[in-house]
Amino acid sequence: MTSPDPTDAGRVGARGQVLPLYAAGFVTAFGAHSIAASLGGYTHGQHASLLALGLLLAVYDGAEVLLKPVFGSLVDRIGARPVLLGGLLAFAAASAAFVIAGNPAWVGLARFGQGAAAAAFSPAAGVLVSRLTPPGGQGRGFGRYGAWKGLGYTLGPLLGGVLIATGGYNLLFATLAALGVAVAGWAMVMVPGVAPLPRARQTVADLARRLTNPGFVRPTLALAAATAALSVGVGFLPVIGAERGLGPLVTGAIVSLLALAAAVVQPRAGRARDDGRIGDRTGLATGLIVAAAGCAAVLIPGIAGLITAAVLIGVGVGLITPIGFAYLAATAPKERLGQTMGSAEVGRELGDAGGPLLVGALATAVTLTPALLVFGVLLTATAGLLAAPSGPRHQPTTPESVD
């Protein structure tokens, strides 16, 4: 079924139509983290090297970096719904293939297939959240979408570990396959078809101008920095915890607290943005400053410092994510929204990889705590760049005027 332009109709943005899209966000986050959190044990059991572990961790994100712009453009060409459904079913197929093969060596291929599938349904879901949400509710829509993803990040390591302990990797991948099919079926029933909008011919120069426009660069830079902060917190706070004598259960709880804080804050940040209580540039800059304060909080001794750091980083990420995506949706040409979202997601994936790489490189020279402080300074500098005026501020009632 195909609806008219749904952005001006409250009934099209009904909660029942967007809930499967939020569930798709949960699928990609849960799928990525439920496996990644247990890969260390997997490679140890297979007597694989740390290089092999690094490759297995990177292959999911690598597939997304390569393919998200491609699938984003496909969304603009044929519509978001078929790309969403195809991506979810492909995710299920990649997961089921691992179970059918019965060969542990296929885990890398399965993760690449899952990442490629997520590269399709993730930008498609983002476009549909925007198209099925009224203009005055974009922040709320992306806030709820981000909260569901945050729930996937929080529950992924815990439930993934339980499934692996119960039935091995076969049970985990079988569960992911069933989850992909279930969400695809839900979306098939509830999500309306949204016809692609007419598009003018685009040259390479047109694309370059659009991707260097402040309306794209600002939110994408903020989203990349936020994802970098999230990855740094998840990766390095447990290391500091271990140095302070904390066990893996406690450090794991601290990481879950970070993800939970981000998930709780996102809907509230989106609502504040829609209500005009926080502007786009102000919200993005504030989120980065809060995350930077989280990096500095590691100076507080003991477990209190780690808890404070986790909460502040989570709150900063939770502020930035819905505001950044709503900002993108407000400034992007509607007929190119898929390509815009796909390209912005590449920025996030680069931040996801680049943040830990930067902090790890710094830590080899100056130890970990000073490295986190330097990273916090970089986040603060980025906040300054984002806060600098370069055009009219966001007006909630006329998002087309942003930048």
Protein backbone atom coordinates (compact mmCIF):
# COMPACT_ATOMS: atom_id res chain seq x y z
CA MET A 1 0.00 0.00 0.00
CA THR A 2 1.26 3.47 -0.89
CA SER A 3 0.34 6.58 1.02
CA PRO A 4 0.43 10.17 -0.11
CA ASP A 5 3.18 12.33 1.29
CA PRO A 6 2.85 11.27 4.92
CA THR A 7 4.77 14.08 6.53
CA ASP A 8 1.68 16.27 6.68
CA ALA A 9 -0.70 13.69 8.10
CA GLY A 10 -0.78 12.77 11.77
CA ARG A 11 -2.54 9.49 11.09
CA VAL A 12 0.32 8.31 8.88
CA GLY A 13 2.72 9.01 11.71
CA ALA A 14 0.68 6.85 14.08
CA ARG A 15 2.71 4.97 16.62
CA GLY A 16 1.78 1.57 15.21
CA GLN A 17 3.40 2.39 11.89
CA VAL A 18 6.73 3.46 13.31
CA LEU A 19 7.13 0.87 16.06
CA PRO A 20 8.51 -1.75 13.61
CA LEU A 21 11.08 0.86 12.52
CA TYR A 22 12.22 1.28 16.11
CA ALA A 23 12.44 -2.51 16.32
CA ALA A 24 14.66 -2.50 13.22
CA GLY A 25 17.01 -0.15 15.07
CA PHE A 26 17.04 -2.63 17.95
CA VAL A 27 17.91 -5.47 15.52
CA THR A 28 21.03 -3.81 14.13
CA ALA A 29 22.31 -2.78 17.59
CA PHE A 30 21.50 -6.09 19.25
CA GLY A 31 22.90 -8.06 16.31
CA ALA A 32 26.18 -6.17 16.34
CA HIS A 33 26.82 -6.15 20.09
CA SER A 34 25.45 -9.56 21.06
CA ILE A 35 28.11 -11.17 18.87
CA ALA A 36 30.93 -8.66 19.30
CA ALA A 37 30.86 -8.88 23.10
CA SER A 38 31.57 -12.63 22.95
CA LEU A 39 34.06 -12.77 20.11
CA GLY A 40 37.01 -12.69 22.49
CA GLY A 41 35.93 -16.02 23.95
CA TYR A 42 35.23 -17.36 20.48
CA THR A 43 38.69 -16.56 19.13
CA HIS A 44 40.28 -17.97 22.28
CA GLY A 45 38.38 -21.22 21.83
CA GLN A 46 39.41 -21.37 18.18
CA HIS A 47 43.04 -20.50 19.07
CA ALA A 48 42.82 -17.51 16.74
CA SER A 49 45.10 -14.47 16.94
CA LEU A 50 44.25 -10.99 18.16
CA LEU A 51 44.48 -9.89 14.54
CA ALA A 52 41.71 -12.34 13.69
CA LEU A 53 39.67 -10.92 16.57
CA GLY A 54 40.18 -7.41 15.26
CA LEU A 55 39.05 -8.42 11.79
CA LEU A 56 35.95 -10.13 13.14
CA LEU A 57 35.09 -7.03 15.15
CA ALA A 58 35.63 -4.73 12.17
CA VAL A 59 33.90 -6.68 9.41
CA TYR A 60 30.35 -5.73 10.46
CA ASP A 61 31.11 -2.00 10.55
CA GLY A 62 33.25 -2.28 7.43
CA ALA A 63 30.32 -3.64 5.44
CA GLU A 64 28.17 -0.77 6.69
CA VAL A 65 30.73 1.88 5.74
CA LEU A 66 31.00 0.52 2.21
CA LEU A 67 27.32 -0.06 1.53
CA LYS A 68 25.21 2.47 3.46
CA PRO A 69 25.56 5.25 0.84
CA VAL A 70 24.70 2.72 -1.88
CA PHE A 71 21.56 1.52 -0.15
CA GLY A 72 20.67 5.07 0.88
CA SER A 73 20.61 6.07 -2.79
CA LEU A 74 18.55 2.97 -3.56
CA VAL A 75 16.00 4.10 -0.95
CA ASP A 76 15.60 7.38 -2.84
CA ARG A 77 15.19 5.52 -6.12
CA ILE A 78 12.73 2.72 -5.30
CA GLY A 79 11.33 3.69 -1.90
CA ALA A 80 12.33 2.90 1.68
CA ARG A 81 9.89 0.09 2.46
CA PRO A 82 11.25 -2.55 0.02
CA VAL A 83 14.83 -1.78 1.09
CA LEU A 84 13.82 -2.08 4.75
CA LEU A 85 12.09 -5.43 4.22
CA GLY A 86 14.84 -6.79 1.98
CA GLY A 87 17.52 -5.78 4.47
CA LEU A 88 15.77 -7.40 7.41
CA LEU A 89 15.21 -10.63 5.50
CA ALA A 90 18.84 -10.60 4.31
CA PHE A 91 19.94 -10.15 7.94
CA ALA A 92 17.87 -13.21 8.86
CA ALA A 93 19.30 -15.18 5.94
CA ALA A 94 22.91 -14.34 6.86
CA SER A 95 22.25 -15.42 10.45
CA ALA A 96 20.51 -18.64 9.38
CA ALA A 97 23.33 -19.47 6.96
CA PHE A 98 25.76 -19.72 9.88
CA VAL A 99 23.47 -22.18 11.66
CA ILE A 100 22.92 -24.26 8.52
CA ALA A 101 26.61 -24.36 7.65
CA GLY A 102 27.47 -25.72 11.09
CA ASN A 103 31.01 -24.42 10.72
CA PRO A 104 32.43 -21.98 13.31
CA ALA A 105 34.80 -20.60 10.68
CA TRP A 106 31.78 -18.99 8.97
CA VAL A 107 31.34 -16.42 11.73
CA GLY A 108 33.26 -13.79 9.76
CA LEU A 109 31.17 -14.31 6.61
CA ALA A 110 27.99 -14.27 8.67
CA ARG A 111 28.95 -10.98 10.32
CA PHE A 112 29.79 -9.44 6.96
CA GLY A 113 26.41 -10.53 5.63
CA GLN A 114 24.67 -9.10 8.69
CA GLY A 115 26.56 -5.82 8.32
CA ALA A 116 25.67 -5.60 4.62
CA ALA A 117 22.01 -6.23 5.46
CA ALA A 118 22.09 -3.61 8.24
CA ALA A 119 23.55 -1.17 5.72
CA ALA A 120 20.29 -1.58 3.81
CA PHE A 121 17.62 -1.52 6.50
CA SER A 122 19.26 1.02 8.82
CA PRO A 123 19.12 4.08 6.49
CA ALA A 124 15.75 2.87 5.17
CA ALA A 125 14.39 2.85 8.72
CA GLY A 126 15.80 6.33 9.33
CA VAL A 127 14.14 7.69 6.19
CA LEU A 128 10.81 6.12 7.14
CA VAL A 129 11.00 7.51 10.67
CA SER A 130 11.40 10.96 9.12
CA ARG A 131 8.74 10.54 6.43
CA LEU A 132 6.18 9.00 8.80
CA THR A 133 6.68 11.59 11.53
CA PRO A 134 5.11 15.07 11.33
CA PRO A 135 7.60 17.95 10.87
CA GLY A 136 7.10 19.11 14.45
CA GLY A 137 7.87 15.66 15.85
CA GLN A 138 11.13 14.74 14.13
CA GLY A 139 13.15 14.97 17.33
CA ARG A 140 10.70 12.73 19.18
CA GLY A 141 10.73 10.19 16.35
CA PHE A 142 14.49 9.95 16.18
CA GLY A 143 14.73 10.05 19.98
CA ARG A 144 12.53 6.96 20.29
CA TYR A 145 14.39 5.26 17.43
CA GLY A 146 17.68 5.95 19.18
CA ALA A 147 16.30 4.71 22.49
CA TRP A 148 15.41 1.36 20.93
CA LYS A 149 18.91 1.13 19.45
CA GLY A 150 20.31 1.98 22.85
CA LEU A 151 18.27 -0.85 24.32
CA GLY A 152 19.87 -3.18 21.77
CA TYR A 153 23.33 -1.96 22.74
CA THR A 154 22.49 -2.48 26.43
CA LEU A 155 20.90 -5.92 26.15
CA GLY A 156 23.12 -7.28 23.37
CA PRO A 157 26.14 -8.31 25.44
CA LEU A 158 23.98 -9.66 28.29
CA LEU A 159 21.44 -11.66 26.29
CA GLY A 160 24.06 -12.69 23.74
CA GLY A 161 26.15 -14.16 26.54
CA VAL A 162 23.14 -16.00 27.96
CA LEU A 163 22.24 -17.47 24.55
CA ILE A 164 25.82 -18.57 23.88
CA ALA A 165 26.13 -20.10 27.34
CA THR A 166 22.86 -21.97 26.79
CA GLY A 167 23.21 -23.21 23.24
CA GLY A 168 26.42 -21.89 21.74
CA TYR A 169 26.74 -19.59 18.75
CA ASN A 170 24.16 -21.62 16.84
CA LEU A 171 21.45 -20.57 19.29
CA LEU A 172 22.52 -16.92 19.12
CA PHE A 173 22.49 -16.84 15.32
CA ALA A 174 19.20 -18.76 15.17
CA THR A 175 17.69 -16.18 17.53
CA LEU A 176 18.96 -13.35 15.34
CA ALA A 177 17.47 -15.05 12.26
CA ALA A 178 14.09 -15.38 13.98
CA LEU A 179 14.29 -11.77 15.16
CA GLY A 180 14.98 -10.52 11.64
CA VAL A 181 12.05 -12.47 10.20
CA ALA A 182 9.71 -11.35 12.99
CA VAL A 183 10.53 -7.64 12.57
CA ALA A 184 10.27 -7.94 8.76
CA GLY A 185 6.82 -9.51 9.12
CA TRP A 186 5.77 -6.81 11.57
CA ALA A 187 6.98 -4.08 9.21
CA MET A 188 5.27 -5.73 6.24
CA VAL A 189 1.93 -5.52 8.02
CA MET A 190 2.26 -2.12 9.73
CA VAL A 191 4.62 0.11 7.73
CA PRO A 192 2.97 1.81 4.75
CA GLY A 193 4.68 2.15 1.41
CA VAL A 194 6.05 5.66 0.92
CA ALA A 195 6.51 6.55 -2.72
CA PRO A 196 9.92 7.99 -3.63
CA LEU A 197 9.78 11.69 -4.36
CA PRO A 198 10.62 13.08 -7.83
CA ARG A 199 14.32 13.77 -8.14
CA ALA A 200 16.17 16.16 -10.38
CA ARG A 201 19.29 14.86 -12.08
CA GLN A 202 22.27 15.14 -9.72
CA THR A 203 25.85 15.70 -10.82
CA VAL A 204 28.95 14.85 -8.82
CA ALA A 205 29.39 18.58 -8.18
CA ASP A 206 25.84 18.81 -6.83
CA LEU A 207 26.52 15.92 -4.46
CA ALA A 208 29.80 17.45 -3.31
CA ARG A 209 28.11 20.79 -2.60
CA ARG A 210 25.37 19.11 -0.59
CA LEU A 211 27.78 16.99 1.45
CA THR A 212 29.93 20.03 2.28
CA ASN A 213 26.98 22.23 3.24
CA PRO A 214 26.89 23.16 6.95
CA GLY A 215 23.43 21.61 7.18
CA PHE A 216 25.07 18.24 6.50
CA VAL A 217 28.55 18.74 7.96
CA ARG A 218 27.50 19.99 11.40
CA PRO A 219 25.16 17.16 12.42
CA THR A 220 27.34 14.52 10.76
CA LEU A 221 30.45 15.75 12.58
CA ALA A 222 28.52 15.76 15.86
CA LEU A 223 27.14 12.26 15.28
CA ALA A 224 30.62 10.98 14.40
CA ALA A 225 32.11 12.55 17.53
CA ALA A 226 29.30 11.17 19.69
CA THR A 227 29.77 7.67 18.31
CA ALA A 228 33.51 7.98 18.90
CA ALA A 229 32.84 8.96 22.53
CA LEU A 230 30.47 6.02 22.96
CA SER A 231 33.00 3.56 21.55
CA VAL A 232 35.81 5.01 23.65
CA GLY A 233 33.69 4.71 26.79
CA VAL A 234 32.63 1.15 26.03
CA GLY A 235 36.16 0.12 25.13
CA PHE A 236 38.33 1.87 27.69
CA LEU A 237 36.31 2.42 30.86
CA PRO A 238 36.57 -1.34 31.61
CA VAL A 239 40.34 -1.09 31.20
CA ILE A 240 40.53 1.66 33.81
CA GLY A 241 38.18 -0.36 36.00
CA ALA A 242 40.48 -3.37 35.80
CA GLU A 243 43.43 -1.14 36.75
CA ARG A 244 41.44 -0.08 39.83
CA GLY A 245 40.81 -3.66 40.86
CA LEU A 246 37.22 -3.98 39.61
CA GLY A 247 36.05 -7.30 38.20
CA PRO A 248 34.44 -7.90 34.80
CA LEU A 249 30.93 -8.01 36.28
CA VAL A 250 31.27 -4.50 37.71
CA THR A 251 32.95 -3.04 34.62
CA GLY A 252 30.31 -4.66 32.42
CA ALA A 253 27.60 -3.03 34.54
CA ILE A 254 29.32 0.33 34.11
CA VAL A 255 29.29 -0.07 30.32
CA SER A 256 25.61 -1.03 30.44
CA LEU A 257 24.96 2.10 32.53
CA LEU A 258 26.53 4.20 29.77
CA ALA A 259 24.27 2.67 27.13
CA LEU A 260 21.23 2.94 29.40
CA ALA A 261 21.86 6.63 30.07
CA ALA A 262 22.01 7.30 26.33
CA ALA A 263 18.81 5.35 25.75
CA VAL A 264 16.90 7.17 28.51
CA VAL A 265 18.00 10.66 27.44
CA GLN A 266 17.29 10.39 23.71
CA PRO A 267 13.48 10.66 23.71
CA ARG A 268 13.64 13.56 26.15
CA ALA A 269 16.27 15.36 24.08
CA GLY A 270 14.18 14.88 20.94
CA ARG A 271 11.09 16.28 22.69
CA ALA A 272 13.04 19.31 23.94
CA ARG A 273 14.24 19.94 20.40
CA ASP A 274 10.72 19.72 18.94
CA ASP A 275 9.32 22.01 21.64
CA GLY A 276 11.93 24.66 20.85
CA ARG A 277 13.56 24.39 24.27
CA ILE A 278 16.96 23.60 22.74
CA GLY A 279 18.33 24.61 19.37
CA ASP A 280 20.15 22.26 17.04
CA ARG A 281 23.61 23.79 17.29
CA THR A 282 23.22 24.39 21.03
CA GLY A 283 22.09 20.82 21.61
CA LEU A 284 24.91 19.29 19.59
CA ALA A 285 27.56 21.45 21.26
CA THR A 286 26.15 20.82 24.74
CA GLY A 287 26.14 17.07 24.15
CA LEU A 288 29.81 17.10 23.18
CA ILE A 289 30.76 19.19 26.22
CA VAL A 290 28.91 16.78 28.51
CA ALA A 291 30.69 13.82 26.88
CA ALA A 292 34.01 15.63 27.28
CA ALA A 293 33.23 16.11 30.97
CA GLY A 294 32.68 12.36 31.13
CA CYS A 295 36.18 11.78 29.80
CA ALA A 296 37.56 14.11 32.47
CA ALA A 297 35.58 12.34 35.21
CA VAL A 298 38.03 9.42 35.10
CA LEU A 299 40.23 11.61 37.31
CA ILE A 300 37.79 10.95 40.16
CA PRO A 301 39.21 8.06 42.18
CA GLY A 302 37.64 4.64 42.46
CA ILE A 303 34.38 3.35 41.07
CA ALA A 304 32.68 6.74 41.54
CA GLY A 305 34.80 8.21 38.74
CA LEU A 306 33.89 5.43 36.33
CA ILE A 307 30.18 5.66 37.11
CA THR A 308 30.26 9.43 36.65
CA ALA A 309 32.18 9.07 33.39
CA ALA A 310 29.74 6.47 32.05
CA VAL A 311 26.66 8.54 32.91
CA LEU A 312 28.06 11.77 31.45
CA ILE A 313 29.23 10.15 28.23
CA GLY A 314 25.86 8.42 27.89
CA VAL A 315 23.94 11.65 28.49
CA GLY A 316 26.11 13.50 25.95
CA VAL A 317 25.53 10.83 23.31
CA GLY A 318 21.83 10.80 24.14
CA LEU A 319 21.60 14.55 23.56
CA ILE A 320 23.41 14.50 20.24
CA THR A 321 21.87 11.52 18.48
CA PRO A 322 18.19 12.54 18.07
CA ILE A 323 19.04 16.20 17.53
CA GLY A 324 21.66 15.32 14.92
CA PHE A 325 19.34 13.09 12.90
CA ALA A 326 16.42 15.52 13.17
CA TYR A 327 18.76 18.31 12.02
CA LEU A 328 19.76 16.20 9.01
CA ALA A 329 16.14 15.44 8.18
CA ALA A 330 15.24 19.13 8.38
CA THR A 331 18.04 20.31 6.09
CA ALA A 332 18.27 17.48 3.55
CA PRO A 333 16.31 17.57 0.29
CA LYS A 334 13.42 15.18 0.93
CA GLU A 335 13.98 13.41 -2.37
CA ARG A 336 17.62 12.73 -1.36
CA LEU A 337 16.98 11.83 2.25
CA GLY A 338 18.13 8.23 1.86
CA GLN A 339 21.44 9.24 0.34
CA THR A 340 21.89 11.87 3.06
CA MET A 341 21.17 9.43 5.88
CA GLY A 342 23.42 6.78 4.34
CA SER A 343 26.29 9.24 3.98
CA ALA A 344 25.84 10.53 7.53
CA GLU A 345 25.88 6.95 8.82
CA VAL A 346 29.31 6.52 7.21
CA GLY A 347 30.50 9.43 9.34
CA ARG A 348 29.17 7.68 12.43
CA GLU A 349 30.90 4.43 11.53
CA LEU A 350 34.19 6.27 10.99
CA GLY A 351 33.80 7.84 14.42
CA ASP A 352 33.04 4.41 15.86
CA ALA A 353 36.36 3.12 14.55
CA GLY A 354 38.42 6.29 14.78
CA GLY A 355 37.71 7.21 18.41
CA PRO A 356 39.12 4.03 19.98
CA LEU A 357 42.00 4.02 17.48
CA LEU A 358 42.96 7.58 18.43
CA VAL A 359 42.73 6.99 22.18
CA GLY A 360 44.60 3.69 21.87
CA ALA A 361 47.40 5.37 19.93
CA LEU A 362 47.63 8.19 22.47
CA ALA A 363 47.60 5.75 25.37
CA THR A 364 50.68 3.98 24.03
CA ALA A 365 52.56 7.26 24.41
CA VAL A 366 51.09 8.90 27.52
CA THR A 367 49.04 6.16 29.29
CA LEU A 368 45.27 5.83 29.21
CA THR A 369 43.98 8.54 31.56
CA PRO A 370 45.87 11.42 29.86
CA ALA A 371 44.77 9.99 26.50
CA LEU A 372 41.12 10.25 27.58
CA LEU A 373 41.72 13.83 28.73
CA VAL A 374 43.17 14.73 25.33
CA PHE A 375 40.18 13.10 23.67
CA GLY A 376 37.90 15.19 25.88
CA VAL A 377 39.72 18.34 24.77
CA LEU A 378 39.12 17.36 21.13
CA LEU A 379 35.42 16.86 21.85
CA THR A 380 35.29 20.33 23.45
CA ALA A 381 37.03 21.88 20.44
CA THR A 382 34.53 20.18 18.15
CA ALA A 383 31.70 21.62 20.27
CA GLY A 384 33.16 25.07 19.69
CA LEU A 385 33.12 24.53 15.94
CA LEU A 386 29.51 23.37 16.02
CA ALA A 387 28.35 26.29 18.15
CA ALA A 388 29.85 28.90 15.83
CA PRO A 389 27.05 30.67 13.91
CA SER A 390 26.89 30.17 10.14
CA GLY A 391 23.24 30.78 9.35
CA PRO A 392 19.80 31.01 10.89
CA ARG A 393 19.10 28.87 13.91
CA HIS A 394 16.59 26.05 13.95
CA GLN A 395 12.96 27.11 14.03
CA PRO A 396 10.75 24.16 15.05
CA THR A 397 7.83 25.30 12.90
CA THR A 398 9.87 25.87 9.75
CA PRO A 399 12.65 23.27 9.59
CA GLU A 400 13.37 24.15 5.96
CA SER A 401 15.02 27.36 7.18
CA VAL A 402 17.80 25.61 9.09
CA ASP A 403 21.17 26.65 7.70
